[in-house]
C-alpha atoms as a PDB file:
ATOM      1  CA  MET A   1      16.467-216.897 -28.571  1.00  0.00           C
ATOM      2  CA  ALA A   2      12.984-215.424 -28.812  1.00  0.00           C
ATOM      3  CA  LYS A   3      11.415-215.191 -32.228  1.00  0.00           C
ATOM      4  CA  LYS A   4      11.289-211.609 -33.420  1.00  0.00           C
ATOM      5  CA  SER A   5       7.924-210.338 -34.574  1.00  0.00           C
ATOM      6  CA  SER A   6       7.826-209.389 -38.229  1.00  0.00           C
ATOM      7  CA  GLY A   7       5.658-206.422 -37.427  1.00  0.00           C
ATOM      8  CA  ARG A   8       3.069-207.713 -39.865  1.00  0.00           C
ATOM      9  CA  SER A   9      -0.489-207.744 -38.756  1.00  0.00           C
ATOM     10  CA  ASP A  10      -2.059-209.357 -41.793  1.00  0.00           C
ATOM     11  CA  GLY A  11      -5.170-211.493 -41.430  1.00  0.00           C
ATOM     12  CA  LYS A  12      -3.216-214.738 -41.248  1.00  0.00           C
ATOM     13  CA  ASP A  13      -1.179-213.659 -38.200  1.00  0.00           C
ATOM     14  CA  ALA A  14      -4.277-212.248 -36.495  1.00  0.00           C
ATOM     15  CA  ALA A  15      -6.199-215.483 -37.058  1.00  0.00           C
ATOM     16  CA  ALA A  16      -3.313-217.539 -35.666  1.00  0.00           C
ATOM     17  CA  GLU A  17      -3.086-215.354 -32.573  1.00  0.00           C
ATOM     18  CA  GLN A  18      -6.864-215.536 -32.084  1.00  0.00           C
ATOM     19  CA  ALA A  19      -6.819-219.343 -32.369  1.00  0.00           C
ATOM     20  CA  HIS A  20      -4.400-219.551 -29.458  1.00  0.00           C
ATOM     21  CA  ARG A  21      -6.700-217.511 -27.232  1.00  0.00           C
ATOM     22  CA  LEU A  22      -9.896-219.490 -27.727  1.00  0.00           C
ATOM     23  CA  PRO A  23     -11.402-220.720 -24.473  1.00  0.00           C
ATOM     24  CA  MET A  24     -11.365-224.381 -25.486  1.00  0.00           C
ATOM     25  CA  ARG A  25      -9.089-227.395 -25.281  1.00  0.00           C
ATOM     26  CA  GLU A  26      -6.321-227.864 -27.816  1.00  0.00           C
ATOM     27  CA  PHE A  27      -7.458-229.445 -31.060  1.00  0.00           C
ATOM     28  CA  SER A  28      -5.207-232.478 -30.498  1.00  0.00           C
ATOM     29  CA  ARG A  29      -6.790-233.029 -27.056  1.00  0.00           C
ATOM     30  CA  SER A  30     -10.362-233.013 -28.327  1.00  0.00           C
ATOM     31  CA  LEU A  31     -12.155-236.290 -27.594  1.00  0.00           C
ATOM     32  CA  PRO A  32     -13.718-236.596 -31.072  1.00  0.00           C
ATOM     33  CA  MET A  33     -10.294-236.125 -32.689  1.00  0.00           C
ATOM     34  CA  ALA A  34      -8.653-238.673 -30.378  1.00  0.00           C
ATOM     35  CA  LEU A  35     -11.384-241.180 -31.241  1.00  0.00           C
ATOM     36  CA  LEU A  36     -10.988-240.453 -34.962  1.00  0.00           C
ATOM     37  CA  ARG A  37      -7.202-240.916 -34.766  1.00  0.00           C
ATOM     38  CA  ALA A  38      -7.651-244.241 -32.969  1.00  0.00           C
ATOM     39  CA  ARG A  39     -10.302-245.348 -35.478  1.00  0.00           C
ATOM     40  CA  GLU A  40      -7.994-244.445 -38.358  1.00  0.00           C
ATOM     41  CA  ALA A  41      -5.098-246.380 -36.795  1.00  0.00           C
ATOM     42  CA  VAL A  42      -7.325-249.455 -36.469  1.00  0.00           C
ATOM     43  CA  MET A  43      -8.903-249.171 -39.924  1.00  0.00           C
ATOM     44  CA  ARG A  44      -5.462-248.837 -41.542  1.00  0.00           C
ATOM     45  CA  GLN A  45      -4.928-252.434 -40.464  1.00  0.00           C
ATOM     46  CA  PHE A  46      -8.165-253.684 -42.065  1.00  0.00           C
ATOM     47  CA  ARG A  47      -8.346-251.693 -45.322  1.00  0.00           C
ATOM     48  CA  PRO A  48      -5.853-253.788 -47.336  1.00  0.00           C
ATOM     49  CA  SER A  49      -7.783-256.976 -46.559  1.00  0.00           C
ATOM     50  CA  LEU A  50     -11.101-255.358 -47.432  1.00  0.00           C
ATOM     51  CA  ARG A  51      -9.643-254.054 -50.708  1.00  0.00           C
ATOM     52  CA  ARG A  52      -8.342-257.541 -51.591  1.00  0.00           C
ATOM     53  CA  HIS A  53     -11.920-258.769 -51.228  1.00  0.00           C
ATOM     54  CA  GLY A  54     -13.379-255.867 -53.243  1.00  0.00           C
ATOM     55  CA  LEU A  55     -15.079-254.202 -50.274  1.00  0.00           C
ATOM     56  CA  THR A  56     -15.164-250.711 -48.838  1.00  0.00           C
ATOM     57  CA  GLU A  57     -15.301-250.067 -45.095  1.00  0.00           C
ATOM     58  CA  GLN A  58     -18.952-249.046 -45.380  1.00  0.00           C
ATOM     59  CA  GLN A  59     -19.897-252.144 -47.382  1.00  0.00           C
ATOM     60  CA  TRP A  60     -18.180-254.333 -44.796  1.00  0.00           C
ATOM     61  CA  ARG A  61     -20.055-252.600 -41.955  1.00  0.00           C
ATOM     62  CA  ILE A  62     -23.340-253.279 -43.717  1.00  0.00           C
ATOM     63  CA  LEU A  63     -22.510-256.923 -44.352  1.00  0.00           C
ATOM     64  CA  ARG A  64     -21.367-257.372 -40.736  1.00  0.00           C
ATOM     65  CA  ALA A  65     -24.557-255.762 -39.442  1.00  0.00           C
ATOM     66  CA  LEU A  66     -26.752-257.906 -41.702  1.00  0.00           C
ATOM     67  CA  ALA A  67     -24.904-261.112 -40.812  1.00  0.00           C
ATOM     68  CA  ALA A  68     -25.843-260.526 -37.167  1.00  0.00           C
ATOM     69  CA  VAL A  69     -29.605-260.463 -37.857  1.00  0.00           C
ATOM     70  CA  GLU A  70     -32.145-262.302 -39.976  1.00  0.00           C
ATOM     71  CA  GLU A  71     -33.115-259.057 -41.753  1.00  0.00           C
ATOM     72  CA  SER A  72     -33.194-255.326 -41.097  1.00  0.00           C
ATOM     73  CA  GLU A  73     -35.320-252.398 -42.114  1.00  0.00           C
ATOM     74  CA  VAL A  74     -33.253-249.917 -44.097  1.00  0.00           C
ATOM     75  CA  THR A  75     -33.720-247.110 -41.547  1.00  0.00           C
ATOM     76  CA  GLU A  76     -32.554-249.390 -38.714  1.00  0.00           C
ATOM     77  CA  LEU A  77     -29.592-250.539 -40.810  1.00  0.00           C
ATOM     78  CA  ALA A  78     -28.581-246.907 -41.322  1.00  0.00           C
ATOM     79  CA  ARG A  79     -28.551-246.397 -37.539  1.00  0.00           C
ATOM     80  CA  THR A  80     -26.746-249.674 -36.864  1.00  0.00           C
ATOM     81  CA  ALA A  81     -24.036-249.090 -39.474  1.00  0.00           C
ATOM     82  CA  PHE A  82     -23.737-245.334 -38.736  1.00  0.00           C
ATOM     83  CA  LEU A  83     -24.454-244.309 -42.318  1.00  0.00           C
ATOM     84  CA  LEU A  84     -26.549-241.486 -43.707  1.00  0.00           C
ATOM     85  CA  GLY A  85     -29.589-242.486 -45.750  1.00  0.00           C
ATOM     86  CA  PRO A  86     -28.306-241.304 -49.153  1.00  0.00           C
ATOM     87  CA  SER A  87     -24.964-243.087 -48.675  1.00  0.00           C
ATOM     88  CA  LEU A  88     -26.703-246.228 -47.518  1.00  0.00           C
ATOM     89  CA  SER A  89     -29.016-246.208 -50.546  1.00  0.00           C
ATOM     90  CA  ARG A  90     -26.053-246.045 -52.931  1.00  0.00           C
ATOM     91  CA  ILE A  91     -24.139-248.761 -51.081  1.00  0.00           C
ATOM     92  CA  LEU A  92     -27.194-251.042 -50.955  1.00  0.00           C
ATOM     93  CA  ARG A  93     -27.635-250.622 -54.722  1.00  0.00           C
ATOM     94  CA  ASP A  94     -24.010-251.693 -55.245  1.00  0.00           C
ATOM     95  CA  LEU A  95     -24.278-254.669 -52.874  1.00  0.00           C
ATOM     96  CA  GLU A  96     -27.554-255.754 -54.467  1.00  0.00           C
ATOM     97  CA  ALA A  97     -26.028-255.538 -57.962  1.00  0.00           C
ATOM     98  CA  ARG A  98     -23.247-257.852 -56.726  1.00  0.00           C
ATOM     99  CA  ARG A  99     -25.948-260.124 -55.218  1.00  0.00           C
ATOM    100  CA  LEU A 100     -24.390-259.831 -51.750  1.00  0.00           C
ATOM    101  CA  ILE A 101     -27.688-258.687 -50.226  1.00  0.00           C
ATOM    102  CA  GLU A 102     -31.376-259.126 -50.931  1.00  0.00           C
ATOM    103  CA  ARG A 103     -33.960-256.359 -50.722  1.00  0.00           C
ATOM    104  CA  ARG A 104     -37.701-256.510 -50.456  1.00  0.00           C
ATOM    105  CA  THR A 105     -40.620-254.386 -49.331  1.00  0.00           C
ATOM    106  CA  ALA A 106     -41.858-254.809 -45.772  1.00  0.00           C
ATOM    107  CA  GLU A 107     -45.131-256.703 -45.672  1.00  0.00           C
ATOM    108  CA  SER A 108     -46.519-254.541 -42.862  1.00  0.00           C
ATOM    109  CA  ASP A 109     -45.691-251.225 -44.559  1.00  0.00           C
ATOM    110  CA  LEU A 110     -45.082-251.104 -48.308  1.00  0.00           C
ATOM    111  CA  ARG A 111     -43.165-247.837 -47.914  1.00  0.00           C
ATOM    112  CA  ARG A 112     -40.411-249.548 -45.896  1.00  0.00           C
ATOM    113  CA  GLY A 113     -37.544-251.561 -47.315  1.00  0.00           C
ATOM    114  CA  VAL A 114     -36.120-254.679 -45.697  1.00  0.00           C
ATOM    115  CA  VAL A 115     -32.623-255.977 -46.370  1.00  0.00           C
ATOM    116  CA  SER A 116     -30.916-259.287 -45.624  1.00  0.00           C
ATOM    117  CA  ILE A 117     -27.541-260.764 -46.460  1.00  0.00           C
ATOM    118  CA  SER A 118     -27.562-263.298 -49.297  1.00  0.00           C
ATOM    119  CA  ALA A 119     -25.839-266.681 -49.448  1.00  0.00           C
ATOM    120  CA  LYS A 120     -23.219-265.081 -51.711  1.00  0.00           C
ATOM    121  CA  GLY A 121     -22.715-262.304 -49.134  1.00  0.00           C
ATOM    122  CA  LEU A 122     -22.225-264.868 -46.367  1.00  0.00           C
ATOM    123  CA  LYS A 123     -19.755-266.768 -48.526  1.00  0.00           C
ATOM    124  CA  LEU A 124     -17.769-263.560 -49.104  1.00  0.00           C
ATOM    125  CA  MET A 125     -17.749-262.896 -45.365  1.00  0.00           C
ATOM    126  CA  GLU A 126     -16.474-266.427 -44.751  1.00  0.00           C
ATOM    127  CA  GLY A 127     -13.604-265.588 -47.104  1.00  0.00           C
ATOM    128  CA  VAL A 128     -12.790-262.336 -45.305  1.00  0.00           C
ATOM    129  CA  ALA A 129     -13.179-263.741 -41.768  1.00  0.00           C
ATOM    130  CA  PRO A 130      -9.761-265.472 -41.451  1.00  0.00           C
ATOM    131  CA  SER A 131      -7.923-262.320 -42.488  1.00  0.00           C
ATOM    132  CA  SER A 132     -10.089-260.175 -40.226  1.00  0.00           C
ATOM    133  CA  GLU A 133      -9.507-262.454 -37.249  1.00  0.00           C
ATOM    134  CA  ALA A 134      -5.749-262.507 -37.947  1.00  0.00           C
ATOM    135  CA  ILE A 135      -5.752-258.695 -37.883  1.00  0.00           C
ATOM    136  CA  TYR A 136      -7.685-258.701 -34.596  1.00  0.00           C
ATOM    137  CA  ALA A 137      -5.153-261.177 -33.190  1.00  0.00           C
ATOM    138  CA  ALA A 138      -2.243-258.939 -34.270  1.00  0.00           C
ATOM    139  CA  ILE A 139      -3.884-255.863 -32.726  1.00  0.00           C
ATOM    140  CA  THR A 140      -4.570-257.823 -29.531  1.00  0.00           C
ATOM    141  CA  LYS A 141      -0.975-259.058 -29.366  1.00  0.00           C
ATOM    142  CA  ARG A 142       0.427-255.583 -29.905  1.00  0.00           C
ATOM    143  CA  TYR A 143      -1.942-253.678 -27.602  1.00  0.00           C
ATOM    144  CA  GLY A 144      -2.718-256.411 -25.067  1.00  0.00           C
ATOM    145  CA  ALA A 145      -5.836-258.494 -24.543  1.00  0.00           C
ATOM    146  CA  ARG A 146      -6.617-256.967 -21.144  1.00  0.00           C
ATOM    147  CA  LYS A 147      -6.144-253.400 -22.361  1.00  0.00           C
ATOM    148  CA  LEU A 148      -8.257-254.069 -25.463  1.00  0.00           C
ATOM    149  CA  ALA A 149     -11.077-255.543 -23.350  1.00  0.00           C
ATOM    150  CA  GLU A 150     -10.877-252.570 -20.976  1.00  0.00           C
ATOM    151  CA  LEU A 151     -10.907-250.147 -23.904  1.00  0.00           C
ATOM    152  CA  GLN A 152     -14.020-251.780 -25.360  1.00  0.00           C
ATOM    153  CA  GLU A 153     -15.688-251.672 -21.931  1.00  0.00           C
ATOM    154  CA  MET A 154     -14.770-248.000 -21.473  1.00  0.00           C
ATOM    155  CA  LEU A 155     -16.014-247.078 -24.949  1.00  0.00           C
ATOM    156  CA  GLY A 156     -19.283-248.897 -24.260  1.00  0.00           C
ATOM    157  CA  ALA A 157     -19.621-247.089 -20.931  1.00  0.00           C
ATOM    158  CA  LEU A 158     -18.889-243.726 -22.574  1.00  0.00           C
ATOM    159  CA  GLU A 159     -21.496-244.382 -25.237  1.00  0.00           C
ATOM    160  CA  ALA A 160     -24.061-245.488 -22.633  1.00  0.00           C
ATOM    161  CA  SER A 161     -23.377-242.472 -20.421  1.00  0.00           C
ATOM    162  CA  LEU A 162     -23.957-240.118 -23.336  1.00  0.00           C
ATOM    163  CA  ASP A 163     -27.066-241.904 -24.636  1.00  0.00           C
ATOM    164  CA  GLY A 164     -29.869-239.374 -24.526  1.00  0.00           C
ATOM    165  CA  PHE A 165     -27.503-236.593 -23.433  1.00  0.00           C
ATOM    166  CA  GLU A 166     -28.396-233.490 -25.395  1.00  0.00           C
ATOM    167  CA  THR A 167     -26.847-230.057 -25.316  1.00  0.00           C
ATOM    168  CA  ASP A 168     -28.173-226.836 -26.800  1.00  0.00           C
ATOM    169  CA  ASP A 169     -25.878-227.239 -29.789  1.00  0.00           C
ATOM    170  CA  ALA A 170     -26.142-231.030 -30.182  1.00  0.00           C
ATOM    171  CA  ASP A 171     -27.456-230.504 -33.702  1.00  0.00           C
ATOM    172  CA  ASP A 172     -24.937-227.759 -34.489  1.00  0.00           C
ATOM    173  CA  PRO A 173     -22.398-229.122 -36.985  1.00  0.00           C
ATOM    174  CA  HIS A 174     -20.040-226.318 -35.947  1.00  0.00           C
ATOM    175  CA  ALA A 175     -19.949-227.310 -32.270  1.00  0.00           C
ATOM    176  CA  GLU A 176     -16.497-228.177 -30.851  1.00  0.00           C
ATOM    177  CA  GLN A 177     -15.232-231.444 -32.277  1.00  0.00           C
END
């Protein structure tokens, strides 16, 4: 049985009707939303372990990034960990207060900060690593090693194919997500 129209034409009904006529893909089929849903599904597996170790996702990303290098300039760390400068500054303050990282001024340019992971930070990571690897193993078992490797390859290829790709509204925060 077809739904009978209420005859109302208030703003809410008009907005709903307009949303259905937009010349764009469905919200649920948007690539950014699909990637966010997948990221959330993965991070749901890791958050309890990070919480048990007193870490946020962002703090963990920073520690992981720093563990992979001898040291990093703060601006490069922001790019590597996908964090905005103000957020990174706050997180670095917290990690430094916990003595998980060390900060200093760059010798070549006194305006630049350099960050490295401390011995205490490495020790914390060693404590988190078994749990993290167990979670990766569970994800791999559930999803499949081959499919996970293919997914990581495809995501890398997508990222590489879009590197340097700019559109007119690339800086528009209201562009289709």
